Amino acid sequence: MRKGTMGMSGTKSGLTGEAEANASPSRLIDARIEELGDWRGETLARIRRLIKQAVPEVVEEWKWRGVPVWSLAGIICTGETYKNVVKMTFVKGASLEDPSSLFNASLEGNTRRAIDFHEGASFDEEALKALIRAAVTLNTSKADQRRKSAPVRPGA
């Protein structure tokens, strides 16, 4: 774990071990936002709100021991918090057009792209929602391609 990411209870969500094990991913994300209690929590909450506005049917997940993840037909993005940045990583970001140049991190890879949000920084909410929708479109088109290319089983 990176410095500045654990809650007082020793977990990234700020919940105790048993409470964290029994909590829904949405509750764990709520707890993480509350536990941060600063600009990072506000930024993560804002990102979450925009994701839900862009894709109301999004599925919230809690993976890798404390990373909020938003999915629909595959992972759309993650929301990690560090001491000086909130990082929104799009797992298939390299395949997305970014006309507003929101991506500002992880630009060298072949797959991922990220947006680092720093304290006090502003960003175009509508452009971010468009990028989120584009990621869902990419996920659903890939899912459709997989279904179409799957062999048909006799009797199916």
Protein backbone atom coordinates (compact mmCIF):
# COMPACT_ATOMS: atom_id res chain seq x y z
CA MET A 1 0.00 0.00 0.00
CA ARG A 2 1.15 3.50 -0.72
CA LYS A 3 1.69 6.04 2.00
CA GLY A 4 -1.38 8.09 2.77
CA THR A 5 -3.91 5.56 1.54
CA MET A 6 -4.88 3.54 4.61
CA GLY A 7 -7.69 4.47 6.96
CA MET A 8 -7.35 4.68 10.72
CA SER A 9 -8.68 1.15 11.02
CA GLY A 10 -5.83 -0.13 8.84
CA THR A 11 -7.98 -0.67 5.76
CA LYS A 12 -8.33 1.54 2.72
CA SER A 13 -12.08 1.81 3.26
CA GLY A 14 -11.76 3.01 6.85
CA LEU A 15 -13.94 0.08 8.00
CA THR A 16 -12.81 -2.68 10.34
CA GLY A 17 -11.84 -6.02 8.78
CA GLU A 18 -15.15 -7.78 9.44
CA ALA A 19 -17.25 -4.76 8.48
CA GLU A 20 -15.24 -4.37 5.28
CA ALA A 21 -15.63 -8.07 4.43
CA ASN A 22 -19.43 -7.83 4.76
CA ALA A 23 -19.97 -4.43 3.16
CA SER A 24 -21.20 -3.84 -0.39
CA PRO A 25 -18.75 -2.25 -2.83
CA SER A 26 -20.88 0.93 -2.84
CA ARG A 27 -20.69 1.11 0.96
CA LEU A 28 -16.93 0.60 0.84
CA ILE A 29 -16.60 3.47 -1.63
CA ASP A 30 -18.82 5.63 0.61
CA ALA A 31 -16.58 4.81 3.57
CA ARG A 32 -13.43 5.58 1.59
CA ILE A 33 -14.76 8.99 0.56
CA GLU A 34 -15.78 9.76 4.14
CA GLU A 35 -12.50 8.49 5.59
CA LEU A 36 -10.42 10.70 3.31
CA GLY A 37 -12.26 13.79 4.56
CA ASP A 38 -10.32 16.22 2.38
CA TRP A 39 -10.08 17.39 -1.23
CA ARG A 40 -9.30 13.81 -2.31
CA GLY A 41 -12.58 12.54 -0.89
CA GLU A 42 -14.45 15.41 -2.52
CA THR A 43 -12.74 14.70 -5.85
CA LEU A 44 -13.44 10.96 -5.66
CA ALA A 45 -17.09 11.70 -4.82
CA ARG A 46 -17.31 14.11 -7.77
CA ILE A 47 -15.80 11.54 -10.14
CA ARG A 48 -18.21 8.91 -8.85
CA ARG A 49 -21.19 11.24 -9.34
CA LEU A 50 -20.12 11.98 -12.93
CA ILE A 51 -19.67 8.28 -13.69
CA LYS A 52 -23.20 7.56 -12.41
CA GLN A 53 -24.61 10.46 -14.42
CA ALA A 54 -22.87 9.29 -17.58
CA VAL A 55 -23.77 5.61 -17.10
CA PRO A 56 -26.67 5.16 -14.65
CA GLU A 57 -26.47 1.35 -14.90
CA VAL A 58 -22.77 1.27 -13.90
CA VAL A 59 -21.68 -1.46 -11.48
CA GLU A 60 -19.51 -0.43 -8.54
CA GLU A 61 -16.84 -2.84 -7.39
CA TRP A 62 -14.10 -2.89 -4.75
CA LYS A 63 -10.99 -4.70 -5.99
CA TRP A 64 -7.35 -5.21 -5.21
CA ARG A 65 -7.76 -4.57 -1.49
CA GLY A 66 -9.19 -1.13 -1.73
CA VAL A 67 -9.60 0.27 -5.21
CA PRO A 68 -12.99 1.59 -6.33
CA VAL A 69 -13.81 0.19 -9.78
CA TRP A 70 -16.66 1.06 -12.12
CA SER A 71 -17.74 -1.51 -14.72
CA LEU A 72 -20.24 -2.21 -17.45
CA ALA A 73 -19.49 -5.04 -19.89
CA GLY A 74 -15.95 -4.86 -18.48
CA ILE A 75 -14.00 -2.40 -16.37
CA ILE A 76 -14.53 1.24 -17.34
CA CYS A 77 -12.14 2.84 -14.87
CA THR A 78 -10.68 2.80 -11.38
CA GLY A 79 -10.45 5.59 -8.81
CA GLU A 80 -7.30 5.48 -6.72
CA THR A 81 -6.33 8.02 -4.08
CA TYR A 82 -2.79 8.95 -3.18
CA LYS A 83 -1.29 11.66 -1.01
CA ASN A 84 -1.13 14.29 -3.76
CA VAL A 85 -3.42 12.98 -6.48
CA VAL A 86 -6.67 11.19 -7.25
CA LYS A 87 -6.03 8.94 -10.25
CA MET A 88 -8.78 7.81 -12.59
CA THR A 89 -7.40 5.02 -14.77
CA PHE A 90 -9.24 3.85 -17.88
CA VAL A 91 -8.15 0.27 -18.50
CA LYS A 92 -8.66 0.58 -22.27
CA GLY A 93 -7.85 4.28 -22.43
CA ALA A 94 -5.30 3.96 -25.22
CA SER A 95 -8.15 2.85 -27.49
CA LEU A 96 -10.29 5.90 -26.69
CA GLU A 97 -10.29 9.21 -28.49
CA ASP A 98 -9.64 12.08 -26.11
CA PRO A 99 -10.50 15.28 -28.02
CA SER A 100 -10.48 17.36 -24.82
CA SER A 101 -7.03 16.04 -23.79
CA LEU A 102 -8.17 14.90 -20.37
CA PHE A 103 -5.63 12.09 -20.18
CA ASN A 104 -2.51 13.41 -18.47
CA ALA A 105 -0.91 10.28 -16.98
CA SER A 106 0.09 6.75 -18.00
CA LEU A 107 0.42 7.99 -21.56
CA GLU A 108 3.28 5.71 -22.59
CA GLY A 109 1.50 2.36 -22.32
CA ASN A 110 -0.31 0.43 -25.02
CA THR A 111 -3.51 -0.09 -23.05
CA ARG A 112 -4.22 2.19 -20.10
CA ARG A 113 -4.58 5.94 -19.83
CA ALA A 114 -5.18 7.95 -16.69
CA ILE A 115 -6.27 11.33 -15.47
CA ASP A 116 -4.46 12.70 -12.42
CA PHE A 117 -6.61 15.15 -10.47
CA HIS A 118 -4.63 17.49 -8.24
CA GLU A 119 -5.97 19.65 -5.42
CA GLY A 120 -7.79 22.69 -6.75
CA ALA A 121 -7.58 21.63 -10.40
CA SER A 122 -10.62 22.17 -12.59
CA PHE A 123 -11.76 19.94 -15.45
CA ASP A 124 -14.47 19.72 -18.05
CA GLU A 125 -17.22 17.55 -16.54
CA GLU A 126 -19.05 17.10 -19.83
CA ALA A 127 -15.86 15.98 -21.58
CA LEU A 128 -15.21 13.49 -18.76
CA LYS A 129 -18.74 12.08 -19.05
CA ALA A 130 -18.24 11.73 -22.82
CA LEU A 131 -14.99 9.83 -22.19
CA ILE A 132 -16.76 7.53 -19.72
CA ARG A 133 -19.52 6.84 -22.25
CA ALA A 134 -16.90 6.14 -24.92
CA ALA A 135 -15.27 3.58 -22.61
CA VAL A 136 -18.64 1.85 -22.14
CA THR A 137 -19.23 1.88 -25.90
CA LEU A 138 -15.83 0.25 -26.39
CA ASN A 139 -16.61 -2.36 -23.72
CA THR A 140 -20.01 -3.20 -25.18
CA SER A 141 -18.69 -3.37 -28.75
CA LYS A 142 -15.94 -5.78 -27.62
CA ALA A 143 -18.54 -7.88 -25.76
CA ASP A 144 -20.71 -7.98 -28.90
CA GLN A 145 -17.70 -9.05 -30.99
CA ARG A 146 -16.92 -11.87 -28.53
CA ARG A 147 -20.52 -13.12 -28.65
CA LYS A 148 -20.61 -13.02 -32.44
CA SER A 149 -17.31 -14.86 -32.82
CA ALA A 150 -18.12 -17.54 -30.24
CA PRO A 151 -18.76 -20.92 -31.81
CA VAL A 152 -22.38 -22.03 -31.81
CA ARG A 153 -22.87 -25.18 -29.77
CA PRO A 154 -25.27 -27.80 -31.06
CA GLY A 155 -28.54 -27.69 -29.18
CA ALA A 156 -27.87 -24.20 -27.86
